[in-house]
Amino acid sequence: MDPVRIGIVSISDRASRGVYADQGLPALQDWLTQALRNPLTIEARLIADEQALISQTLIELVDAGCALVLTTGGTGPAPRDVTPEATLAVADKVMPGFGEQMRQISLAFVPTALLSRQVAVIRGRSLIVNLPGQPKAIAETLAGLKDADGQPRVPGIFAAVPYCIDLIGGPYLETHDAVCAAFRPKSAQRPPRP
């Protein structure tokens, strides 16, 4: 199984100053370790809402070999929310479907999901995705929504992440289907390994 390096970035002025404990990084790390079967190396960063610092951190994580970089926080309409701008500034390609689907999922819970501005981009051979700030919303957008019988109702964005990373030349991500089943066309699937 391919080893994978993933960057996770929590963006919060107050958490980065120690005013309160950051919840984004533990939520991301927990979800990723439950969802992925690959051997993981996680590069975690807690930083302030500063556009230049966010862009610099994303570049550093991509340059360090992270095939996937997930951010949390800083995607609302407030003046200090600059994560999307910082992410777009380092993009080679924009992947609008990720943001559209995250807002669709969040709209099932709150009408203010329309205020979220998450984006996803490709830089080199890395996928960078802005996620919501709340741990519950992070899990919902990554895994999707299930009905009362546990069947997928609205697909989460992570179902598309492994194939996206395949297409840009990254490692082959394998998921635990009970958490989030990766979707790949038959021609892109490898035989399952124990």
C-alpha atoms as a PDB file:
ATOM      1  CA  MET A   1       0.000   0.000   0.000  1.00  0.00           C
ATOM      2  CA  ASP A   2       1.350   3.427  -0.944  1.00  0.00           C
ATOM      3  CA  PRO A   3       2.456   5.600   1.978  1.00  0.00           C
ATOM      4  CA  VAL A   4       0.916   9.061   1.888  1.00  0.00           C
ATOM      5  CA  ARG A   5       1.867  12.417   3.391  1.00  0.00           C
ATOM      6  CA  ILE A   6      -1.033  14.736   4.194  1.00  0.00           C
ATOM      7  CA  GLY A   7      -0.886  18.320   5.380  1.00  0.00           C
ATOM      8  CA  ILE A   8      -3.558  19.635   7.735  1.00  0.00           C
ATOM      9  CA  VAL A   9      -3.803  23.334   8.548  1.00  0.00           C
ATOM     10  CA  SER A  10      -6.058  24.990  11.113  1.00  0.00           C
ATOM     11  CA  ILE A  11      -6.425  28.710  10.486  1.00  0.00           C
ATOM     12  CA  SER A  12      -7.531  30.746  13.502  1.00  0.00           C
ATOM     13  CA  ASP A  13      -6.221  33.947  15.038  1.00  0.00           C
ATOM     14  CA  ARG A  14      -7.431  33.081  18.537  1.00  0.00           C
ATOM     15  CA  ALA A  15      -6.459  29.402  18.578  1.00  0.00           C
ATOM     16  CA  SER A  16      -3.001  30.213  17.204  1.00  0.00           C
ATOM     17  CA  ARG A  17      -2.543  32.687  20.110  1.00  0.00           C
ATOM     18  CA  GLY A  18      -3.692  30.081  22.649  1.00  0.00           C
ATOM     19  CA  VAL A  19      -6.959  31.875  23.527  1.00  0.00           C
ATOM     20  CA  TYR A  20      -8.771  28.538  23.127  1.00  0.00           C
ATOM     21  CA  ALA A  21      -7.815  24.994  22.164  1.00  0.00           C
ATOM     22  CA  ASP A  22      -7.860  24.240  18.464  1.00  0.00           C
ATOM     23  CA  GLN A  23     -10.403  21.558  17.525  1.00  0.00           C
ATOM     24  CA  GLY A  24      -9.797  21.480  13.775  1.00  0.00           C
ATOM     25  CA  LEU A  25      -6.475  19.621  13.710  1.00  0.00           C
ATOM     26  CA  PRO A  26      -7.593  16.773  16.030  1.00  0.00           C
ATOM     27  CA  ALA A  27     -10.854  16.422  14.069  1.00  0.00           C
ATOM     28  CA  LEU A  28      -9.014  16.209  10.739  1.00  0.00           C
ATOM     29  CA  GLN A  29      -6.398  13.781  12.022  1.00  0.00           C
ATOM     30  CA  ASP A  30      -9.013  11.503  13.615  1.00  0.00           C
ATOM     31  CA  TRP A  31     -11.129  11.422  10.465  1.00  0.00           C
ATOM     32  CA  LEU A  32      -8.179  10.736   8.162  1.00  0.00           C
ATOM     33  CA  THR A  33      -6.806   7.905  10.311  1.00  0.00           C
ATOM     34  CA  GLN A  34     -10.258   6.278  10.351  1.00  0.00           C
ATOM     35  CA  ALA A  35     -10.902   6.771   6.628  1.00  0.00           C
ATOM     36  CA  LEU A  36      -7.566   5.835   5.046  1.00  0.00           C
ATOM     37  CA  ARG A  37      -5.905   2.417   4.974  1.00  0.00           C
ATOM     38  CA  ASN A  38      -2.572   3.793   3.720  1.00  0.00           C
ATOM     39  CA  PRO A  39       0.388   4.354   6.049  1.00  0.00           C
ATOM     40  CA  LEU A  40       0.009   8.062   6.913  1.00  0.00           C
ATOM     41  CA  THR A  41       2.400  10.845   7.743  1.00  0.00           C
ATOM     42  CA  ILE A  42       0.460  13.890   8.928  1.00  0.00           C
ATOM     43  CA  GLU A  43       2.030  17.358   8.829  1.00  0.00           C
ATOM     44  CA  ALA A  44      -0.055  19.609  11.114  1.00  0.00           C
ATOM     45  CA  ARG A  45       0.064  23.413  11.308  1.00  0.00           C
ATOM     46  CA  LEU A  46      -1.885  25.892  13.466  1.00  0.00           C
ATOM     47  CA  ILE A  47      -1.604  29.410  12.057  1.00  0.00           C
ATOM     48  CA  ALA A  48      -3.220  32.849  12.173  1.00  0.00           C
ATOM     49  CA  ASP A  49      -5.624  34.306   9.599  1.00  0.00           C
ATOM     50  CA  GLU A  50      -2.894  36.046   7.596  1.00  0.00           C
ATOM     51  CA  GLN A  51      -3.134  35.643   3.847  1.00  0.00           C
ATOM     52  CA  ALA A  52       0.619  35.611   3.147  1.00  0.00           C
ATOM     53  CA  LEU A  53       1.228  33.127   5.981  1.00  0.00           C
ATOM     54  CA  ILE A  54      -1.531  30.815   4.757  1.00  0.00           C
ATOM     55  CA  SER A  55      -0.174  30.838   1.189  1.00  0.00           C
ATOM     56  CA  GLN A  56       3.379  30.265   2.446  1.00  0.00           C
ATOM     57  CA  THR A  57       2.235  27.343   4.636  1.00  0.00           C
ATOM     58  CA  LEU A  58       0.374  25.710   1.732  1.00  0.00           C
ATOM     59  CA  ILE A  59       3.434  26.024  -0.527  1.00  0.00           C
ATOM     60  CA  GLU A  60       5.694  24.559   2.187  1.00  0.00           C
ATOM     61  CA  LEU A  61       3.411  21.547   2.679  1.00  0.00           C
ATOM     62  CA  VAL A  62       3.156  20.889  -1.065  1.00  0.00           C
ATOM     63  CA  ASP A  63       6.944  21.246  -1.417  1.00  0.00           C
ATOM     64  CA  ALA A  64       7.373  18.798   1.510  1.00  0.00           C
ATOM     65  CA  GLY A  65       5.570  16.129  -0.546  1.00  0.00           C
ATOM     66  CA  CYS A  66       2.011  16.310   0.797  1.00  0.00           C
ATOM     67  CA  ALA A  67      -0.272  14.780  -1.831  1.00  0.00           C
ATOM     68  CA  LEU A  68      -3.258  16.279  -0.024  1.00  0.00           C
ATOM     69  CA  VAL A  69      -3.518  19.434   2.085  1.00  0.00           C
ATOM     70  CA  LEU A  70      -6.703  20.085   4.047  1.00  0.00           C
ATOM     71  CA  THR A  71      -7.383  23.417   5.721  1.00  0.00           C
ATOM     72  CA  THR A  72     -10.047  24.325   8.249  1.00  0.00           C
ATOM     73  CA  GLY A  73     -11.209  27.802   9.183  1.00  0.00           C
ATOM     74  CA  GLY A  74     -11.147  31.250   7.644  1.00  0.00           C
ATOM     75  CA  THR A  75     -13.667  30.652   4.846  1.00  0.00           C
ATOM     76  CA  GLY A  76     -16.550  32.917   5.900  1.00  0.00           C
ATOM     77  CA  PRO A  77     -17.345  36.490   4.837  1.00  0.00           C
ATOM     78  CA  ALA A  78     -15.679  38.241   7.807  1.00  0.00           C
ATOM     79  CA  PRO A  79     -12.814  40.639   7.016  1.00  0.00           C
ATOM     80  CA  ARG A  80     -10.200  38.289   8.591  1.00  0.00           C
ATOM     81  CA  ASP A  81     -11.456  35.239   6.628  1.00  0.00           C
ATOM     82  CA  VAL A  82      -8.873  35.022   3.842  1.00  0.00           C
ATOM     83  CA  THR A  83      -8.249  31.287   3.432  1.00  0.00           C
ATOM     84  CA  PRO A  84      -9.871  31.057  -0.041  1.00  0.00           C
ATOM     85  CA  GLU A  85      -7.867  34.030  -1.329  1.00  0.00           C
ATOM     86  CA  ALA A  86      -4.626  32.555   0.055  1.00  0.00           C
ATOM     87  CA  THR A  87      -5.454  29.189  -1.509  1.00  0.00           C
ATOM     88  CA  LEU A  88      -6.342  30.599  -4.918  1.00  0.00           C
ATOM     89  CA  ALA A  89      -3.088  32.592  -4.895  1.00  0.00           C
ATOM     90  CA  VAL A  90      -1.041  29.356  -4.969  1.00  0.00           C
ATOM     91  CA  ALA A  91      -3.238  27.446  -7.448  1.00  0.00           C
ATOM     92  CA  ASP A  92      -2.269  25.924 -10.759  1.00  0.00           C
ATOM     93  CA  LYS A  93      -5.880  24.792 -11.323  1.00  0.00           C
ATOM     94  CA  VAL A  94      -9.159  25.480  -9.527  1.00  0.00           C
ATOM     95  CA  MET A  95     -11.479  22.544  -8.737  1.00  0.00           C
ATOM     96  CA  PRO A  96     -14.886  24.214  -8.148  1.00  0.00           C
ATOM     97  CA  GLY A  97     -16.871  21.000  -7.663  1.00  0.00           C
ATOM     98  CA  PHE A  98     -15.441  20.465  -4.177  1.00  0.00           C
ATOM     99  CA  GLY A  99     -16.694  23.797  -2.830  1.00  0.00           C
ATOM    100  CA  GLU A 100     -20.056  23.376  -4.528  1.00  0.00           C
ATOM    101  CA  GLN A 101     -20.559  19.950  -2.943  1.00  0.00           C
ATOM    102  CA  MET A 102     -19.471  21.099   0.530  1.00  0.00           C
ATOM    103  CA  ARG A 103     -22.034  23.893   0.458  1.00  0.00           C
ATOM    104  CA  GLN A 104     -24.688  21.446  -0.776  1.00  0.00           C
ATOM    105  CA  ILE A 105     -23.999  19.124   2.170  1.00  0.00           C
ATOM    106  CA  SER A 106     -23.959  21.956   4.717  1.00  0.00           C
ATOM    107  CA  LEU A 107     -27.238  23.360   3.367  1.00  0.00           C
ATOM    108  CA  ALA A 108     -28.930  20.223   4.685  1.00  0.00           C
ATOM    109  CA  PHE A 109     -28.203  21.610   8.170  1.00  0.00           C
ATOM    110  CA  VAL A 110     -27.980  25.404   8.052  1.00  0.00           C
ATOM    111  CA  PRO A 111     -29.059  28.101   5.568  1.00  0.00           C
ATOM    112  CA  THR A 112     -25.878  30.035   6.377  1.00  0.00           C
ATOM    113  CA  ALA A 113     -23.924  27.403   4.406  1.00  0.00           C
ATOM    114  CA  LEU A 114     -24.357  29.865   1.532  1.00  0.00           C
ATOM    115  CA  LEU A 115     -21.904  32.152   3.334  1.00  0.00           C
ATOM    116  CA  SER A 116     -19.068  29.624   3.183  1.00  0.00           C
ATOM    117  CA  ARG A 117     -16.449  30.231   0.522  1.00  0.00           C
ATOM    118  CA  GLN A 118     -14.436  26.998   0.551  1.00  0.00           C
ATOM    119  CA  VAL A 119     -12.365  26.322  -2.540  1.00  0.00           C
ATOM    120  CA  ALA A 120     -10.182  23.470  -3.769  1.00  0.00           C
ATOM    121  CA  VAL A 121      -7.156  23.767  -6.021  1.00  0.00           C
ATOM    122  CA  ILE A 122      -4.341  21.775  -7.509  1.00  0.00           C
ATOM    123  CA  ARG A 123      -0.776  22.917  -7.042  1.00  0.00           C
ATOM    124  CA  GLY A 124       1.758  20.697  -8.773  1.00  0.00           C
ATOM    125  CA  ARG A 125       0.915  17.120  -7.765  1.00  0.00           C
ATOM    126  CA  SER A 126      -1.069  18.128  -4.682  1.00  0.00           C
ATOM    127  CA  LEU A 127      -4.747  18.719  -3.999  1.00  0.00           C
ATOM    128  CA  ILE A 128      -5.534  21.518  -1.525  1.00  0.00           C
ATOM    129  CA  VAL A 129      -9.062  21.677  -0.071  1.00  0.00           C
ATOM    130  CA  ASN A 130     -10.558  24.278   2.280  1.00  0.00           C
ATOM    131  CA  LEU A 131     -12.951  22.653   4.752  1.00  0.00           C
ATOM    132  CA  PRO A 132     -15.449  24.181   7.191  1.00  0.00           C
ATOM    133  CA  GLY A 133     -14.263  25.189  10.656  1.00  0.00           C
ATOM    134  CA  GLN A 134     -16.447  23.044  12.928  1.00  0.00           C
ATOM    135  CA  PRO A 135     -15.415  19.403  13.605  1.00  0.00           C
ATOM    136  CA  LYS A 136     -18.961  18.114  12.951  1.00  0.00           C
ATOM    137  CA  ALA A 137     -19.123  19.977   9.626  1.00  0.00           C
ATOM    138  CA  ILE A 138     -15.650  18.695   8.678  1.00  0.00           C
ATOM    139  CA  ALA A 139     -16.799  15.069   9.070  1.00  0.00           C
ATOM    140  CA  GLU A 140     -20.095  15.717   7.259  1.00  0.00           C
ATOM    141  CA  THR A 141     -18.477  17.326   4.237  1.00  0.00           C
ATOM    142  CA  LEU A 142     -15.741  14.694   3.983  1.00  0.00           C
ATOM    143  CA  ALA A 143     -17.944  11.612   4.480  1.00  0.00           C
ATOM    144  CA  GLY A 144     -21.294  12.875   3.162  1.00  0.00           C
ATOM    145  CA  LEU A 145     -24.777  12.299   4.522  1.00  0.00           C
ATOM    146  CA  LYS A 146     -26.331   8.908   5.199  1.00  0.00           C
ATOM    147  CA  ASP A 147     -29.973   7.951   5.603  1.00  0.00           C
ATOM    148  CA  ALA A 148     -31.437   6.125   8.620  1.00  0.00           C
ATOM    149  CA  ASP A 149     -30.257   2.786   7.163  1.00  0.00           C
ATOM    150  CA  GLY A 150     -26.675   4.017   6.819  1.00  0.00           C
ATOM    151  CA  GLN A 151     -26.868   4.268   3.032  1.00  0.00           C
ATOM    152  CA  PRO A 152     -25.248   7.295   1.352  1.00  0.00           C
ATOM    153  CA  ARG A 153     -27.803  10.065   0.719  1.00  0.00           C
ATOM    154  CA  VAL A 154     -25.452  12.847  -0.402  1.00  0.00           C
ATOM    155  CA  PRO A 155     -21.859  11.906  -1.351  1.00  0.00           C
ATOM    156  CA  GLY A 156     -19.070  13.496   0.636  1.00  0.00           C
ATOM    157  CA  ILE A 157     -16.192  15.167  -1.118  1.00  0.00           C
ATOM    158  CA  PHE A 158     -13.612  12.620  -0.001  1.00  0.00           C
ATOM    159  CA  ALA A 159     -15.136   9.972  -2.299  1.00  0.00           C
ATOM    160  CA  ALA A 160     -13.590  11.918  -5.210  1.00  0.00           C
ATOM    161  CA  VAL A 161     -10.250  12.764  -3.558  1.00  0.00           C
ATOM    162  CA  PRO A 162      -8.347   9.487  -4.231  1.00  0.00           C
ATOM    163  CA  TYR A 163      -9.121   9.487  -7.959  1.00  0.00           C
ATOM    164  CA  CYS A 164      -8.253  13.193  -8.221  1.00  0.00           C
ATOM    165  CA  ILE A 165      -4.883  12.441  -6.622  1.00  0.00           C
ATOM    166  CA  ASP A 166      -4.404   9.520  -9.069  1.00  0.00           C
ATOM    167  CA  LEU A 167      -5.004  11.883 -11.987  1.00  0.00           C
ATOM    168  CA  ILE A 168      -2.388  14.393 -10.815  1.00  0.00           C
ATOM    169  CA  GLY A 169       0.287  11.750 -10.248  1.00  0.00           C
ATOM    170  CA  GLY A 170       0.004  11.189  -6.501  1.00  0.00           C
ATOM    171  CA  PRO A 171      -0.104   8.010  -4.384  1.00  0.00           C
ATOM    172  CA  TYR A 172      -2.955   5.505  -4.620  1.00  0.00           C
ATOM    173  CA  LEU A 173      -5.221   6.243  -1.640  1.00  0.00           C
ATOM    174  CA  GLU A 174      -7.237   3.366  -0.235  1.00  0.00           C
ATOM    175  CA  THR A 175     -10.196   4.013   2.051  1.00  0.00           C
ATOM    176  CA  HIS A 176     -12.193   2.101   4.621  1.00  0.00           C
ATOM    177  CA  ASP A 177     -15.533   1.851   2.831  1.00  0.00           C
ATOM    178  CA  ALA A 178     -17.524   2.021   6.080  1.00  0.00           C
ATOM    179  CA  VAL A 179     -16.175   5.556   6.624  1.00  0.00           C
ATOM    180  CA  CYS A 180     -16.010   6.791   3.030  1.00  0.00           C
ATOM    181  CA  ALA A 181     -15.866   4.652  -0.097  1.00  0.00           C
ATOM    182  CA  ALA A 182     -13.539   6.048  -2.741  1.00  0.00           C
ATOM    183  CA  PHE A 183     -14.968   6.171  -6.245  1.00  0.00           C
ATOM    184  CA  ARG A 184     -12.812   5.322  -9.239  1.00  0.00           C
ATOM    185  CA  PRO A 185     -13.768   4.190 -12.741  1.00  0.00           C
ATOM    186  CA  LYS A 186     -13.167   0.446 -13.165  1.00  0.00           C
ATOM    187  CA  SER A 187     -10.171   1.128 -15.392  1.00  0.00           C
ATOM    188  CA  ALA A 188      -8.452   3.040 -12.549  1.00  0.00           C
ATOM    189  CA  GLN A 189      -9.043   0.505  -9.773  1.00  0.00           C
ATOM    190  CA  ARG A 190      -6.342  -1.721  -8.326  1.00  0.00           C
ATOM    191  CA  PRO A 191      -7.252  -5.148  -6.966  1.00  0.00           C
ATOM    192  CA  PRO A 192      -8.104  -4.901  -3.246  1.00  0.00           C
ATOM    193  CA  ARG A 193      -5.336  -5.893  -0.866  1.00  0.00           C
ATOM    194  CA  PRO A 194      -5.791  -7.318   2.616  1.00  0.00           C
END
